[in-house]
Amino acid sequence: MMKTQSQDTPIENQEHLKRQRDILAFRMKKLSTKQSDFNSKTAALKEKIKQKYDDMKRVLDEDLRITMSQLDIETEAMERNIEDSIEKCYKLTQEIDQQLAELSAQMAKHQPQAREKMSEVKERIMETLKKTDPELIQMDEFKNEQLLGLTINLLLFIRSQVPVTKKLFQSYAQEVVLDPDSAHPKLIISPEGDSVAYTDTWQDVSENLSRFDTTLNVISRKGFTDVRNYWEVEVASKTYWELGLTYPSISRKGQEEDCWLGRGPTSWCVEYFNGEYTAWHNGVPHELTHVSGRTFKRIGIFSSSEGGLVCFLGADTMTPLYSFCAGTFTDSLYQVVCPGHDNQETNRKPLLICDASKCSPIL
């Protein structure tokens, strides 16, 4: 007859626990190896990217050197021309002084050739003044304007390409439409489903299982299982909001803590309240002191099922806020937003879902 677990002898239980301990030790070793592998790969990637930026800097520095050298050569040529003209004028003034002295002596002796020499001097003066006219020495303004224009175009092109994370995440952008059937009754959803605002008035809406009845949340109409996804929300002029991702199983009724974004294991969020940012998941808060007091016009949320990542950032400047690593997502993900209460009349602005595929200014 087979023995049950409770019938195992102390020695058998001891051996079983030893085996489990060995299994856990081996698991920890594998996890440490995985961690070292990730760190090594990340370090290698960072080094490769840094080398490319160094290469770009060298290319730009060399282009700057060539451009400055060309302008220096042109300036030196004009300077030589001007110096030659000054030299000609100086030599002529010396000759004039000499001629003046001779003319004075000749006039004192009443020599008739004095008038003739004076005429020659006047002619030479006119000729020298004509040849050394500053207006004859011109800079090629048109060419210089073209050079400056090309430099500005290069700057604009570089700005349009960086931060590179902006270009990359934009390629993962998809449309987000909010589901009014999931919205708390004190939330107003635009007809297009692209904005949500808080109101003190309880809306006349139908009751259903998907509607949040305590927390001021609303989720997207559709979930996604894409390997990578990116979306942005405009939060300008607001003093309180929460944004994130959730599984469809998030609690929606009653006073349960799990109804709040990030307070349970089924959602991830960043909360902003009166200048302070906090990242939440599974009830654990992470204060984001590195952006304390800063405001952003847009917040971006990137997710990668391949990496199990949920990343939040200030999309204005692509400033990283916080990243969660879920390892593996176990269900489809939904976008979820909370515009917050009125916060003493300071938080009436709506949250606006943005078209993250379009370029927005990087400040």
Protein backbone atom coordinates (compact mmCIF):
# COMPACT_ATOMS: atom_id res chain seq x y z
CA MET A 1 0.00 0.00 0.00
CA MET A 2 1.37 3.45 -0.99
CA LYS A 3 2.24 5.72 1.88
CA THR A 4 0.73 9.22 2.07
CA GLN A 5 2.81 12.30 2.73
CA SER A 6 1.84 12.16 6.42
CA GLN A 7 3.06 8.55 6.64
CA ASP A 8 6.58 9.38 5.44
CA THR A 9 9.26 8.69 7.99
CA PRO A 10 11.29 11.57 9.45
CA ILE A 11 14.30 10.35 7.48
CA GLU A 12 12.30 10.38 4.22
CA ASN A 13 10.99 13.87 4.99
CA GLN A 14 14.51 15.01 5.77
CA GLU A 15 15.80 13.64 2.46
CA HIS A 16 12.90 15.25 0.62
CA LEU A 17 13.65 18.67 2.13
CA LYS A 18 17.35 18.29 1.34
CA ARG A 19 16.50 17.58 -2.30
CA GLN A 20 14.19 20.61 -2.42
CA ARG A 21 16.91 22.73 -0.84
CA ASP A 22 19.37 21.57 -3.51
CA ILE A 23 16.81 22.33 -6.22
CA LEU A 24 16.31 25.84 -4.85
CA ALA A 25 20.06 26.37 -4.57
CA PHE A 26 20.45 25.32 -8.20
CA ARG A 27 17.56 27.64 -9.15
CA MET A 28 19.24 30.56 -7.40
CA LYS A 29 22.46 29.76 -9.22
CA LYS A 30 20.65 29.76 -12.57
CA LEU A 31 18.93 33.05 -11.72
CA SER A 32 22.28 34.59 -10.77
CA THR A 33 23.73 33.38 -14.05
CA LYS A 34 20.76 34.88 -15.89
CA GLN A 35 21.27 38.16 -14.06
CA SER A 36 24.97 38.20 -14.97
CA ASP A 37 24.09 37.40 -18.57
CA PHE A 38 21.59 40.26 -18.73
CA ASN A 39 24.07 42.67 -17.16
CA SER A 40 26.79 41.57 -19.57
CA LYS A 41 24.55 41.94 -22.62
CA THR A 42 23.30 45.33 -21.46
CA ALA A 43 26.84 46.55 -20.82
CA ALA A 44 27.92 45.35 -24.28
CA LEU A 45 24.94 47.07 -25.91
CA LYS A 46 25.62 50.31 -24.03
CA GLU A 47 29.26 50.21 -25.11
CA LYS A 48 28.31 49.66 -28.78
CA ILE A 49 25.80 52.52 -28.68
CA LYS A 50 28.32 54.78 -26.92
CA GLN A 51 30.89 53.98 -29.63
CA LYS A 52 28.38 54.98 -32.31
CA TYR A 53 27.69 58.26 -30.53
CA ASP A 54 31.44 58.81 -30.23
CA ASP A 55 31.73 58.12 -33.97
CA MET A 56 28.96 60.64 -34.68
CA LYS A 57 30.71 63.18 -32.47
CA ARG A 58 33.97 62.61 -34.34
CA VAL A 59 32.20 63.04 -37.68
CA LEU A 60 30.54 66.25 -36.48
CA ASP A 61 33.78 67.54 -34.94
CA GLU A 62 35.62 66.85 -38.21
CA ASP A 63 32.87 68.55 -40.22
CA LEU A 64 33.08 71.51 -37.85
CA ARG A 65 36.87 71.63 -38.25
CA ILE A 66 36.61 71.57 -42.06
CA THR A 67 33.92 74.26 -42.09
CA MET A 68 35.87 76.51 -39.72
CA SER A 69 39.07 75.95 -41.72
CA GLN A 70 37.36 76.96 -44.95
CA LEU A 71 36.04 80.14 -43.35
CA ASP A 72 39.50 80.83 -41.88
CA ILE A 73 41.14 80.47 -45.31
CA GLU A 74 38.61 82.82 -46.90
CA THR A 75 39.07 85.33 -44.08
CA GLU A 76 42.87 85.16 -44.43
CA ALA A 77 42.59 85.86 -48.16
CA MET A 78 40.42 88.93 -47.53
CA GLU A 79 42.74 90.07 -44.76
CA ARG A 80 45.73 89.83 -47.13
CA ASN A 81 43.86 91.85 -49.74
CA ILE A 82 42.96 94.52 -47.20
CA GLU A 83 46.50 94.61 -45.82
CA ASP A 84 47.88 95.02 -49.35
CA SER A 85 45.49 97.90 -49.94
CA ILE A 86 46.48 99.50 -46.65
CA GLU A 87 50.14 99.07 -47.61
CA LYS A 88 49.52 100.75 -50.96
CA CYS A 89 47.76 103.64 -49.27
CA TYR A 90 50.53 103.96 -46.71
CA LYS A 91 53.25 104.01 -49.35
CA LEU A 92 51.32 106.59 -51.33
CA THR A 93 50.94 108.82 -48.28
CA GLN A 94 54.73 108.68 -47.86
CA GLU A 95 55.18 109.64 -51.50
CA ILE A 96 52.65 112.43 -51.06
CA ASP A 97 54.56 113.74 -48.07
CA GLN A 98 57.72 113.66 -50.15
CA GLN A 99 56.02 115.35 -53.07
CA LEU A 100 54.58 118.00 -50.76
CA ALA A 101 58.03 118.77 -49.46
CA GLU A 102 59.43 118.97 -53.00
CA LEU A 103 56.54 121.14 -54.19
CA SER A 104 57.03 123.50 -51.29
CA ALA A 105 60.69 123.87 -52.23
CA GLN A 106 59.88 124.31 -55.91
CA MET A 107 57.20 126.91 -55.23
CA ALA A 108 59.63 128.74 -53.00
CA LYS A 109 62.03 128.87 -55.96
CA HIS A 110 59.15 129.74 -58.33
CA GLN A 111 59.97 126.74 -60.53
CA PRO A 112 57.38 126.33 -63.37
CA GLN A 113 57.45 122.50 -63.22
CA ALA A 114 55.76 122.52 -59.80
CA ARG A 115 52.28 122.77 -61.30
CA GLU A 116 53.00 119.82 -63.58
CA LYS A 117 54.22 117.57 -60.75
CA MET A 118 51.18 118.47 -58.66
CA SER A 119 48.97 117.26 -61.46
CA GLU A 120 50.83 113.92 -61.58
CA VAL A 121 50.44 113.44 -57.84
CA LYS A 122 46.70 114.11 -58.00
CA GLU A 123 46.34 111.57 -60.77
CA ARG A 124 48.21 108.89 -58.78
CA ILE A 125 46.12 109.64 -55.69
CA MET A 126 42.89 109.18 -57.62
CA GLU A 127 44.16 105.93 -59.14
CA THR A 128 45.22 104.53 -55.73
CA LEU A 129 41.95 105.53 -54.08
CA LYS A 130 40.09 103.83 -56.88
CA LYS A 131 42.07 100.59 -56.56
CA THR A 132 41.83 100.49 -52.75
CA ASP A 133 38.12 101.25 -52.48
CA PRO A 134 36.82 99.07 -49.55
CA GLU A 135 33.63 98.40 -51.51
CA LEU A 136 35.72 96.39 -53.99
CA ILE A 137 36.50 93.84 -51.26
CA GLN A 138 33.32 91.84 -50.67
CA MET A 139 32.47 88.71 -48.70
CA ASP A 140 30.46 86.02 -50.48
CA GLU A 141 27.36 86.56 -48.34
CA PHE A 142 25.19 84.28 -50.49
CA LYS A 143 27.57 81.36 -50.12
CA ASN A 144 27.86 81.96 -46.36
CA GLU A 145 24.08 82.03 -45.99
CA GLN A 146 23.93 78.71 -47.84
CA LEU A 147 26.58 77.29 -45.50
CA LEU A 148 24.66 78.45 -42.43
CA GLY A 149 21.44 77.07 -43.92
CA LEU A 150 23.01 73.65 -44.45
CA THR A 151 24.30 73.69 -40.88
CA ILE A 152 20.82 74.55 -39.58
CA ASN A 153 19.31 71.76 -41.71
CA LEU A 154 21.85 69.32 -40.25
CA LEU A 155 20.89 70.43 -36.73
CA LEU A 156 17.19 70.05 -37.49
CA PHE A 157 17.80 66.59 -38.95
CA ILE A 158 19.76 65.50 -35.89
CA ARG A 159 17.06 66.87 -33.61
CA SER A 160 14.44 64.96 -35.60
CA GLN A 161 16.37 61.73 -35.00
CA VAL A 162 16.99 62.08 -31.28
CA PRO A 163 16.23 60.91 -28.73
CA VAL A 164 16.40 57.63 -30.63
CA THR A 165 14.04 56.06 -28.09
CA LYS A 166 11.37 58.48 -29.32
CA LYS A 167 11.74 57.25 -32.92
CA LEU A 168 11.80 53.65 -31.75
CA PHE A 169 8.78 53.83 -29.43
CA GLN A 170 6.75 55.75 -32.02
CA SER A 171 7.04 52.72 -34.31
CA TYR A 172 5.20 50.68 -31.64
CA ALA A 173 2.34 53.16 -31.22
CA GLN A 174 -1.24 51.99 -31.63
CA GLU A 175 -4.61 53.67 -31.25
CA VAL A 176 -6.12 53.68 -27.76
CA VAL A 177 -9.88 54.14 -27.32
CA LEU A 178 -11.35 54.35 -23.83
CA ASP A 179 -14.34 52.16 -22.96
CA PRO A 180 -17.19 54.26 -21.43
CA ASP A 181 -18.83 51.07 -20.11
CA SER A 182 -15.86 50.60 -17.79
CA ALA A 183 -15.72 54.21 -16.55
CA HIS A 184 -16.62 55.23 -13.01
CA PRO A 185 -19.93 57.16 -13.01
CA LYS A 186 -18.13 60.40 -12.11
CA LEU A 187 -16.02 60.27 -15.26
CA ILE A 188 -16.96 61.84 -18.59
CA ILE A 189 -15.58 60.07 -21.65
CA SER A 190 -15.44 61.94 -24.96
CA PRO A 191 -17.51 60.50 -27.85
CA GLU A 192 -14.26 59.54 -29.60
CA GLY A 193 -13.00 57.80 -26.49
CA ASP A 194 -9.80 59.84 -26.48
CA SER A 195 -10.23 61.86 -23.29
CA VAL A 196 -11.57 61.51 -19.76
CA ALA A 197 -12.48 64.17 -17.22
CA TYR A 198 -13.71 64.13 -13.63
CA THR A 199 -17.03 65.67 -12.65
CA ASP A 200 -18.73 66.06 -9.26
CA THR A 201 -21.99 64.95 -10.85
CA TRP A 202 -22.85 61.26 -10.80
CA GLN A 203 -23.53 60.32 -14.42
CA ASP A 204 -26.65 58.45 -15.43
CA VAL A 205 -24.95 55.35 -16.76
CA SER A 206 -25.92 51.71 -16.91
CA GLU A 207 -24.57 49.36 -14.30
CA ASN A 208 -22.49 46.43 -15.54
CA LEU A 209 -19.81 44.07 -14.31
CA SER A 210 -16.99 45.90 -16.11
CA ARG A 211 -17.71 49.33 -14.57
CA PHE A 212 -15.52 50.66 -11.73
CA ASP A 213 -17.84 51.81 -8.97
CA THR A 214 -15.38 53.18 -6.39
CA THR A 215 -12.07 54.10 -8.04
CA LEU A 216 -11.98 56.78 -10.76
CA ASN A 217 -10.68 54.41 -13.44
CA VAL A 218 -11.48 53.71 -17.07
CA ILE A 219 -9.78 51.12 -19.28
CA SER A 220 -9.38 50.79 -23.03
CA ARG A 221 -12.01 49.11 -25.21
CA LYS A 222 -9.54 46.54 -26.45
CA GLY A 223 -6.68 44.72 -24.86
CA PHE A 224 -3.52 43.87 -26.69
CA THR A 225 -1.08 40.99 -26.85
CA ASP A 226 1.40 42.69 -29.17
CA VAL A 227 5.02 42.00 -28.41
CA ARG A 228 5.59 45.74 -28.04
CA ASN A 229 3.18 48.62 -27.46
CA TYR A 230 3.55 52.33 -26.83
CA TRP A 231 1.02 55.07 -26.02
CA GLU A 232 1.04 58.59 -24.65
CA VAL A 233 -1.30 60.67 -22.50
CA GLU A 234 -1.35 64.45 -22.21
CA VAL A 235 -1.29 65.43 -18.53
CA ALA A 236 -0.52 69.16 -18.83
CA SER A 237 -1.96 71.43 -16.11
CA LYS A 238 -3.11 68.51 -13.96
CA THR A 239 -2.18 68.02 -10.30
CA TYR A 240 -3.36 64.44 -9.86
CA TRP A 241 -3.49 61.43 -12.20
CA GLU A 242 -2.69 57.74 -12.50
CA LEU A 243 -1.72 55.93 -15.71
CA GLY A 244 -0.79 52.35 -16.44
CA LEU A 245 -1.58 48.89 -17.73
CA THR A 246 -3.81 46.20 -16.30
CA TYR A 247 -5.04 42.68 -16.85
CA PRO A 248 -8.81 42.50 -17.50
CA SER A 249 -9.19 40.68 -14.17
CA ILE A 250 -8.54 43.83 -12.10
CA SER A 251 -11.11 44.25 -9.30
CA ARG A 252 -13.75 46.82 -10.17
CA LYS A 253 -16.31 46.74 -7.37
CA GLY A 254 -16.34 47.83 -3.77
CA GLN A 255 -13.63 49.13 -1.49
CA GLU A 256 -11.03 46.48 -2.26
CA GLU A 257 -7.46 47.76 -2.37
CA ASP A 258 -6.92 45.85 -5.63
CA CYS A 259 -9.35 48.24 -7.37
CA TRP A 260 -6.71 50.95 -7.18
CA LEU A 261 -4.13 50.93 -9.94
CA GLY A 262 -0.91 49.21 -8.96
CA ARG A 263 -2.20 48.14 -5.56
CA GLY A 264 -2.72 44.55 -6.68
CA PRO A 265 -0.77 42.04 -8.78
CA THR A 266 -2.85 42.68 -11.92
CA SER A 267 -1.86 46.28 -12.72
CA TRP A 268 1.13 48.61 -13.01
CA CYS A 269 0.96 52.40 -12.77
CA VAL A 270 2.65 55.69 -12.10
CA GLU A 271 0.78 58.15 -9.88
CA TYR A 272 1.30 61.93 -9.86
CA PHE A 273 0.00 64.01 -6.97
CA ASN A 274 0.95 67.62 -6.21
CA GLY A 275 4.40 67.42 -7.77
CA GLU A 276 5.37 63.96 -6.51
CA TYR A 277 5.59 60.77 -8.60
CA THR A 278 5.11 57.22 -7.30
CA ALA A 279 5.28 53.94 -9.22
CA TRP A 280 2.99 51.16 -7.98
CA HIS A 281 2.66 47.40 -8.50
CA ASN A 282 1.29 44.73 -6.17
CA GLY A 283 0.81 47.33 -3.45
CA VAL A 284 4.49 48.31 -3.32
CA PRO A 285 5.20 52.06 -3.82
CA HIS A 286 8.39 53.37 -5.41
CA GLU A 287 8.92 57.10 -4.91
CA LEU A 288 10.44 58.67 -8.01
CA THR A 289 12.55 61.34 -6.32
CA HIS A 290 14.68 61.96 -9.45
CA VAL A 291 11.72 63.76 -11.08
CA SER A 292 10.19 65.26 -7.94
CA GLY A 293 8.78 68.71 -8.70
CA ARG A 294 9.13 68.31 -12.46
CA THR A 295 6.13 68.52 -14.77
CA PHE A 296 5.64 66.91 -18.16
CA LYS A 297 3.12 67.66 -20.87
CA ARG A 298 2.95 64.02 -21.89
CA ILE A 299 3.58 60.68 -20.22
CA GLY A 300 4.55 57.69 -22.36
CA ILE A 301 4.03 54.02 -21.48
CA PHE A 302 5.99 51.30 -23.27
CA SER A 303 5.49 47.57 -22.78
CA SER A 304 7.37 44.56 -24.11
CA SER A 305 6.05 41.05 -23.63
CA GLU A 306 9.39 39.69 -24.81
CA GLY A 307 11.13 41.41 -21.93
CA GLY A 308 8.13 41.49 -19.61
CA LEU A 309 8.69 45.22 -19.28
CA VAL A 310 6.39 48.10 -18.41
CA CYS A 311 8.26 51.40 -18.76
CA PHE A 312 7.01 54.89 -17.90
CA LEU A 313 8.67 58.07 -19.15
CA GLY A 314 8.18 61.81 -19.49
CA ALA A 315 7.53 61.89 -23.23
CA ASP A 316 8.43 65.60 -23.61
CA THR A 317 12.11 64.79 -23.19
CA MET A 318 11.91 60.98 -23.08
CA THR A 319 12.95 61.17 -19.42
CA PRO A 320 12.81 57.69 -17.83
CA LEU A 321 10.48 57.57 -14.81
CA TYR A 322 10.34 53.90 -13.78
CA SER A 323 10.38 50.39 -15.26
CA PHE A 324 8.77 47.20 -14.00
CA CYS A 325 9.92 43.74 -15.06
CA ALA A 326 7.02 41.28 -14.95
CA GLY A 327 9.04 38.47 -16.48
CA THR A 328 6.09 37.06 -18.40
CA PHE A 329 2.64 38.55 -18.93
CA THR A 330 -0.07 36.00 -18.18
CA ASP A 331 -2.96 37.73 -19.98
CA SER A 332 -3.75 40.44 -22.49
CA LEU A 333 -3.03 44.00 -21.31
CA TYR A 334 -5.39 46.98 -21.27
CA GLN A 335 -4.49 50.65 -21.05
CA VAL A 336 -5.98 52.23 -17.94
CA VAL A 337 -6.18 55.86 -16.76
CA CYS A 338 -7.44 57.72 -13.72
CA PRO A 339 -7.86 61.51 -14.07
CA GLY A 340 -8.15 61.93 -10.28
CA HIS A 341 -10.62 63.98 -8.26
CA ASP A 342 -10.81 67.78 -8.49
CA ASN A 343 -8.04 68.19 -5.83
CA GLN A 344 -9.44 71.44 -4.43
CA GLU A 345 -10.40 72.77 -7.86
CA THR A 346 -6.84 72.37 -9.26
CA ASN A 347 -7.42 69.23 -11.31
CA ARG A 348 -10.35 69.86 -13.66
CA LYS A 349 -8.40 69.36 -16.90
CA PRO A 350 -9.11 66.11 -18.77
CA LEU A 351 -6.56 63.44 -19.57
CA LEU A 352 -6.11 63.28 -23.34
CA ILE A 353 -4.98 60.18 -25.21
CA CYS A 354 -2.44 61.31 -27.83
CA ASP A 355 -1.47 59.97 -31.21
CA ALA A 356 1.91 58.63 -30.14
CA SER A 357 2.91 57.83 -33.73
CA LYS A 358 3.23 61.52 -34.56
CA CYS A 359 6.23 63.60 -33.65
CA SER A 360 5.87 65.93 -30.71
CA PRO A 361 8.43 68.62 -29.82
CA ILE A 362 11.38 67.50 -27.69
CA LEU A 363 12.08 70.32 -25.33
